[in-house]
C-alpha atoms as a PDB file:
ATOM      1  CA  UNK A   1      -3.102  -5.536  10.349  1.00  0.00           C
ATOM      2  CA  UNK A   2      -5.727  -8.320   9.887  1.00  0.00           C
ATOM      3  CA  UNK A   3      -9.391  -9.195   9.031  1.00  0.00           C
ATOM      4  CA  UNK A   4     -11.217  -9.219  12.659  1.00  0.00           C
ATOM      5  CA  UNK A   5     -14.124 -11.076  12.285  1.00  0.00           C
ATOM      6  CA  UNK A   6     -16.577 -13.130   9.942  1.00  0.00           C
ATOM      7  CA  UNK A   7     -15.748 -15.436   6.901  1.00  0.00           C
ATOM      8  CA  UNK A   8     -12.002 -14.498   6.861  1.00  0.00           C
ATOM      9  CA  UNK A   9     -11.470 -14.028  10.306  1.00  0.00           C
ATOM     10  CA  UNK A  10      -7.774 -14.007  11.386  1.00  0.00           C
ATOM     11  CA  UNK A  11      -6.599 -13.758   8.074  1.00  0.00           C
ATOM     12  CA  UNK A  12      -3.759 -11.097   8.116  1.00  0.00           C
ATOM     13  CA  UNK A  13      -3.403  -8.586   5.348  1.00  0.00           C
ATOM     14  CA  UNK A  14      -0.658  -6.941   3.742  1.00  0.00           C
ATOM     15  CA  UNK A  15       0.202  -3.094   4.192  1.00  0.00           C
ATOM     16  CA  UNK A  16       2.570  -0.963   2.119  1.00  0.00           C
ATOM     17  CA  UNK A  17       5.216   0.240   3.871  1.00  0.00           C
ATOM     18  CA  UNK A  18       6.081   4.219   4.708  1.00  0.00           C
ATOM     19  CA  UNK A  19       3.553   7.108   5.062  1.00  0.00           C
ATOM     20  CA  UNK A  20       1.602   6.681   1.952  1.00  0.00           C
ATOM     21  CA  UNK A  21      -1.282   5.074   3.817  1.00  0.00           C
ATOM     22  CA  UNK A  22      -2.798   5.091   7.435  1.00  0.00           C
ATOM     23  CA  UNK A  23      -3.814   1.815   7.932  1.00  0.00           C
ATOM     24  CA  UNK A  24      -7.047   1.814  10.541  1.00  0.00           C
ATOM     25  CA  UNK A  25      -5.908   0.244  13.704  1.00  0.00           C
ATOM     26  CA  UNK A  26      -7.402  -3.412  14.396  1.00  0.00           C
ATOM     27  CA  UNK A  27      -8.877  -1.725  17.834  1.00  0.00           C
ATOM     28  CA  UNK A  28     -10.541   1.312  16.140  1.00  0.00           C
ATOM     29  CA  UNK A  29     -11.416  -1.082  13.304  1.00  0.00           C
ATOM     30  CA  UNK A  30     -13.268  -3.263  15.666  1.00  0.00           C
ATOM     31  CA  UNK A  31     -15.378  -0.528  17.147  1.00  0.00           C
ATOM     32  CA  UNK A  32     -16.080   0.929  13.736  1.00  0.00           C
ATOM     33  CA  UNK A  33     -17.674  -2.194  12.800  1.00  0.00           C
ATOM     34  CA  UNK A  34     -19.421  -3.088  15.871  1.00  0.00           C
ATOM     35  CA  UNK A  35     -21.437   0.275  15.395  1.00  0.00           C
ATOM     36  CA  UNK A  36     -22.531  -0.468  11.668  1.00  0.00           C
ATOM     37  CA  UNK A  37     -22.555  -4.474  11.975  1.00  0.00           C
ATOM     38  CA  UNK A  38     -26.283  -4.503  11.453  1.00  0.00           C
ATOM     39  CA  UNK A  39     -25.929  -2.597   8.246  1.00  0.00           C
ATOM     40  CA  UNK A  40     -23.760  -5.006   6.637  1.00  0.00           C
ATOM     41  CA  UNK A  41     -25.583  -8.274   5.708  1.00  0.00           C
ATOM     42  CA  UNK A  42     -26.198  -7.972   1.859  1.00  0.00           C
ATOM     43  CA  UNK A  43     -24.726  -4.441   1.554  1.00  0.00           C
ATOM     44  CA  UNK A  44     -23.078  -3.035  -1.370  1.00  0.00           C
ATOM     45  CA  UNK A  45     -19.898  -0.940   0.510  1.00  0.00           C
ATOM     46  CA  UNK A  46     -17.756   1.539  -1.263  1.00  0.00           C
ATOM     47  CA  UNK A  47     -14.155   2.113   0.233  1.00  0.00           C
ATOM     48  CA  UNK A  48     -12.704   5.496  -0.969  1.00  0.00           C
ATOM     49  CA  UNK A  49      -9.076   6.193  -0.438  1.00  0.00           C
ATOM     50  CA  UNK A  50      -9.233   2.574   0.351  1.00  0.00           C
ATOM     51  CA  UNK A  51      -5.077   2.265   1.104  1.00  0.00           C
ATOM     52  CA  UNK A  52      -4.507  -1.475   1.736  1.00  0.00           C
ATOM     53  CA  UNK A  53      -8.362  -2.653   1.523  1.00  0.00           C
ATOM     54  CA  UNK A  54      -8.684  -3.384   4.950  1.00  0.00           C
ATOM     55  CA  UNK A  55     -12.240  -1.589   5.884  1.00  0.00           C
ATOM     56  CA  UNK A  56     -13.879  -3.004   2.637  1.00  0.00           C
ATOM     57  CA  UNK A  57     -12.379  -6.783   3.358  1.00  0.00           C
ATOM     58  CA  UNK A  58     -13.557  -6.541   6.957  1.00  0.00           C
ATOM     59  CA  UNK A  59     -17.081  -5.470   5.596  1.00  0.00           C
ATOM     60  CA  UNK A  60     -16.952  -8.238   2.729  1.00  0.00           C
ATOM     61  CA  UNK A  61     -15.744 -11.108   5.499  1.00  0.00           C
ATOM     62  CA  UNK A  62     -18.878  -9.645   8.138  1.00  0.00           C
ATOM     63  CA  UNK A  63     -21.566  -9.880   5.341  1.00  0.00           C
ATOM     64  CA  UNK A  64     -21.568  -7.184   2.676  1.00  0.00           C
ATOM     65  CA  UNK A  65     -22.558  -8.432  -0.620  1.00  0.00           C
ATOM     66  CA  UNK A  66     -19.744  -6.562  -2.188  1.00  0.00           C
ATOM     67  CA  UNK A  67     -17.046  -4.105  -1.857  1.00  0.00           C
ATOM     68  CA  UNK A  68     -15.812  -1.693  -4.288  1.00  0.00           C
ATOM     69  CA  UNK A  69     -12.509  -0.023  -3.637  1.00  0.00           C
ATOM     70  CA  UNK A  70     -11.077   3.096  -4.971  1.00  0.00           C
ATOM     71  CA  UNK A  71      -7.306   3.712  -4.682  1.00  0.00           C
ATOM     72  CA  UNK A  72      -5.274   5.881  -6.918  1.00  0.00           C
ATOM     73  CA  UNK A  73      -1.780   5.184  -5.677  1.00  0.00           C
ATOM     74  CA  UNK A  74      -0.491   2.189  -7.683  1.00  0.00           C
ATOM     75  CA  UNK A  75       1.384   0.487  -4.942  1.00  0.00           C
ATOM     76  CA  UNK A  76      -1.348   0.574  -2.507  1.00  0.00           C
ATOM     77  CA  UNK A  77      -3.891  -0.876  -5.228  1.00  0.00           C
ATOM     78  CA  UNK A  78      -1.336  -3.691  -5.986  1.00  0.00           C
ATOM     79  CA  UNK A  79      -1.654  -4.309  -2.103  1.00  0.00           C
ATOM     80  CA  UNK A  80      -5.611  -4.484  -2.250  1.00  0.00           C
ATOM     81  CA  UNK A  81      -5.425  -6.962  -5.419  1.00  0.00           C
ATOM     82  CA  UNK A  82      -3.061  -9.167  -3.305  1.00  0.00           C
ATOM     83  CA  UNK A  83      -5.441  -8.757  -0.430  1.00  0.00           C
ATOM     84  CA  UNK A  84      -8.615  -9.648  -2.285  1.00  0.00           C
ATOM     85  CA  UNK A  85      -6.771 -12.530  -4.008  1.00  0.00           C
ATOM     86  CA  UNK A  86      -5.224 -13.903  -0.436  1.00  0.00           C
ATOM     87  CA  UNK A  87      -9.202 -13.623   1.366  1.00  0.00           C
ATOM     88  CA  UNK A  88     -10.570 -15.347  -1.494  1.00  0.00           C
ATOM     89  CA  UNK A  89     -13.211 -12.762  -2.118  1.00  0.00           C
ATOM     90  CA  UNK A  90     -12.583 -12.248  -5.757  1.00  0.00           C
ATOM     91  CA  UNK A  91     -16.176 -12.584  -6.746  1.00  0.00           C
ATOM     92  CA  UNK A  92     -17.331  -9.941  -4.196  1.00  0.00           C
ATOM     93  CA  UNK A  93     -14.693  -7.251  -4.570  1.00  0.00           C
ATOM     94  CA  UNK A  94     -14.164  -4.536  -7.405  1.00  0.00           C
ATOM     95  CA  UNK A  95     -10.712  -2.502  -7.524  1.00  0.00           C
ATOM     96  CA  UNK A  96     -10.732   0.805  -9.228  1.00  0.00           C
ATOM     97  CA  UNK A  97      -7.196   1.733  -9.361  1.00  0.00           C
ATOM     98  CA  UNK A  98      -8.086   5.563 -10.083  1.00  0.00           C
ATOM     99  CA  UNK A  99      -8.860   9.300  -8.530  1.00  0.00           C
ATOM    100  CA  UNK A 100     -11.666   9.017  -6.067  1.00  0.00           C
ATOM    101  CA  UNK A 101     -13.861  12.030  -8.233  1.00  0.00           C
ATOM    102  CA  UNK A 102     -13.453  10.306 -11.365  1.00  0.00           C
ATOM    103  CA  UNK A 103     -14.188   7.067 -10.126  1.00  0.00           C
ATOM    104  CA  UNK A 104     -17.402   8.189  -8.322  1.00  0.00           C
ATOM    105  CA  UNK A 105     -18.379   9.828 -11.849  1.00  0.00           C
ATOM    106  CA  UNK A 106     -17.583   6.256 -13.510  1.00  0.00           C
ATOM    107  CA  UNK A 107     -19.859   4.507 -10.883  1.00  0.00           C
ATOM    108  CA  UNK A 108     -22.750   7.172 -11.326  1.00  0.00           C
ATOM    109  CA  UNK A 109     -25.717   5.452 -12.531  1.00  0.00           C
ATOM    110  CA  UNK A 110     -24.400   1.884 -12.543  1.00  0.00           C
ATOM    111  CA  UNK A 111     -24.489   1.113  -8.984  1.00  0.00           C
ATOM    112  CA  UNK A 112     -25.825   2.218  -5.475  1.00  0.00           C
ATOM    113  CA  UNK A 113     -24.075   1.813  -2.131  1.00  0.00           C
ATOM    114  CA  UNK A 114     -25.742   1.159   1.124  1.00  0.00           C
ATOM    115  CA  UNK A 115     -22.562   2.220   3.287  1.00  0.00           C
ATOM    116  CA  UNK A 116     -19.693   4.316   1.843  1.00  0.00           C
ATOM    117  CA  UNK A 117     -16.595   4.619   3.729  1.00  0.00           C
ATOM    118  CA  UNK A 118     -13.649   7.040   3.258  1.00  0.00           C
ATOM    119  CA  UNK A 119     -10.250   7.805   4.901  1.00  0.00           C
ATOM    120  CA  UNK A 120      -8.907  10.509   2.460  1.00  0.00           C
ATOM    121  CA  UNK A 121      -5.319  12.101   3.264  1.00  0.00           C
ATOM    122  CA  UNK A 122      -5.997  14.381   6.091  1.00  0.00           C
ATOM    123  CA  UNK A 123      -5.787  18.198   6.111  1.00  0.00           C
ATOM    124  CA  UNK A 124      -6.825  18.446   2.280  1.00  0.00           C
ATOM    125  CA  UNK A 125     -10.192  19.224   2.763  1.00  0.00           C
ATOM    126  CA  UNK A 126     -10.925  15.964   0.533  1.00  0.00           C
ATOM    127  CA  UNK A 127     -13.826  14.597   2.749  1.00  0.00           C
ATOM    128  CA  UNK A 128     -15.641  17.753   1.593  1.00  0.00           C
ATOM    129  CA  UNK A 129     -14.923  17.627  -2.044  1.00  0.00           C
ATOM    130  CA  UNK A 130     -16.597  14.199  -1.790  1.00  0.00           C
ATOM    131  CA  UNK A 131     -19.415  15.007  -0.323  1.00  0.00           C
ATOM    132  CA  UNK A 132     -20.118  18.085  -2.148  1.00  0.00           C
ATOM    133  CA  UNK A 133     -19.813  15.351  -5.353  1.00  0.00           C
ATOM    134  CA  UNK A 134     -22.264  12.918  -3.695  1.00  0.00           C
ATOM    135  CA  UNK A 135     -24.882  15.806  -2.511  1.00  0.00           C
ATOM    136  CA  UNK A 136     -27.104  14.706  -5.847  1.00  0.00           C
ATOM    137  CA  UNK A 137     -25.437  11.471  -6.553  1.00  0.00           C
ATOM    138  CA  UNK A 138     -27.481   8.680  -7.167  1.00  0.00           C
ATOM    139  CA  UNK A 139     -24.770   6.380  -5.896  1.00  0.00           C
ATOM    140  CA  UNK A 140     -26.870   6.673  -2.362  1.00  0.00           C
ATOM    141  CA  UNK A 141     -30.063   5.309  -1.517  1.00  0.00           C
ATOM    142  CA  UNK A 142     -32.152   7.302   0.975  1.00  0.00           C
ATOM    143  CA  UNK A 143     -30.454   5.352   3.854  1.00  0.00           C
ATOM    144  CA  UNK A 144     -26.925   5.271   2.580  1.00  0.00           C
ATOM    145  CA  UNK A 145     -24.447   5.547   5.755  1.00  0.00           C
ATOM    146  CA  UNK A 146     -21.507   7.414   4.983  1.00  0.00           C
ATOM    147  CA  UNK A 147     -18.639   7.163   7.299  1.00  0.00           C
ATOM    148  CA  UNK A 148     -15.618   9.391   7.099  1.00  0.00           C
ATOM    149  CA  UNK A 149     -12.323   9.054   9.107  1.00  0.00           C
ATOM    150  CA  UNK A 150     -10.449  12.502   9.605  1.00  0.00           C
ATOM    151  CA  UNK A 151      -8.333  13.879  11.848  1.00  0.00           C
ATOM    152  CA  UNK A 152      -9.908  15.249  15.239  1.00  0.00           C
ATOM    153  CA  UNK A 153      -9.530  18.822  13.905  1.00  0.00           C
ATOM    154  CA  UNK A 154     -11.370  18.497  10.617  1.00  0.00           C
ATOM    155  CA  UNK A 155     -14.374  20.923  10.392  1.00  0.00           C
ATOM    156  CA  UNK A 156     -17.630  19.241   9.520  1.00  0.00           C
ATOM    157  CA  UNK A 157     -19.913  22.261   9.906  1.00  0.00           C
ATOM    158  CA  UNK A 158     -20.991  22.360   6.067  1.00  0.00           C
ATOM    159  CA  UNK A 159     -22.554  19.433   5.651  1.00  0.00           C
ATOM    160  CA  UNK A 160     -26.094  20.696   6.483  1.00  0.00           C
ATOM    161  CA  UNK A 161     -25.585  22.824   3.518  1.00  0.00           C
ATOM    162  CA  UNK A 162     -24.911  19.849   1.474  1.00  0.00           C
ATOM    163  CA  UNK A 163     -27.867  18.267   2.775  1.00  0.00           C
ATOM    164  CA  UNK A 164     -26.172  15.801   4.949  1.00  0.00           C
ATOM    165  CA  UNK A 165     -26.728  15.046   8.702  1.00  0.00           C
ATOM    166  CA  UNK A 166     -24.528  14.203  11.169  1.00  0.00           C
ATOM    167  CA  UNK A 167     -25.859  10.983  12.776  1.00  0.00           C
ATOM    168  CA  UNK A 168     -23.041  10.221  15.242  1.00  0.00           C
ATOM    169  CA  UNK A 169     -19.535  11.275  16.140  1.00  0.00           C
ATOM    170  CA  UNK A 170     -16.835   8.673  17.459  1.00  0.00           C
ATOM    171  CA  UNK A 171     -13.533  10.289  18.800  1.00  0.00           C
ATOM    172  CA  UNK A 172     -10.630   8.301  19.501  1.00  0.00           C
ATOM    173  CA  UNK A 173      -7.050   9.277  20.546  1.00  0.00           C
ATOM    174  CA  UNK A 174      -6.032  10.665  17.248  1.00  0.00           C
ATOM    175  CA  UNK A 175      -8.653  10.683  14.713  1.00  0.00           C
ATOM    176  CA  UNK A 176     -12.881  10.649  14.561  1.00  0.00           C
ATOM    177  CA  UNK A 177     -15.262   8.842  12.555  1.00  0.00           C
ATOM    178  CA  UNK A 178     -18.359  10.767  11.389  1.00  0.00           C
ATOM    179  CA  UNK A 179     -21.421   9.060  10.632  1.00  0.00           C
ATOM    180  CA  UNK A 180     -23.766  10.858   8.113  1.00  0.00           C
ATOM    181  CA  UNK A 181     -26.969  10.430   6.486  1.00  0.00           C
ATOM    182  CA  UNK A 182     -28.904  12.149   3.583  1.00  0.00           C
ATOM    183  CA  UNK A 183     -31.124  14.635   5.425  1.00  0.00           C
ATOM    184  CA  UNK A 184     -34.815  13.773   5.223  1.00  0.00           C
END
């Protein structure tokens, strides 16, 4: 795994071995960032269930002003810290080694984010719980883009009742990116 483009282009990133995280492949990451590149310059980026931090670090490398990483797994959080230090993005990054739902409460009223990315463990409906918590949150601006990486069979039929609209869906062989915005 590596940074694909921007200031830290080609720098390798560490990942933790084993099934605890599922690093997004370089090919999928490149496709994702090609779709959101225009939204990154100067953006605040929130990376939930951050794994090794590759998505948030890619965002900073491509021009995001700041990335906040939330990862509860201690080994994964240590890996993120190493990757932040290795890429020399220490000023642009904040790591919260805690539960995502507690982190969202902690951040409430302190920051807003232009892009929120989440890649929760599959099959546990954690994306729904996060969206339920975000529905009235001050972490979002009217233009905040929420991107969920999920399994192909994840149900998103409920997002309308939470006040979100699906902007785009990008399917891959084994997963999907769902792009959401607050409904106007």
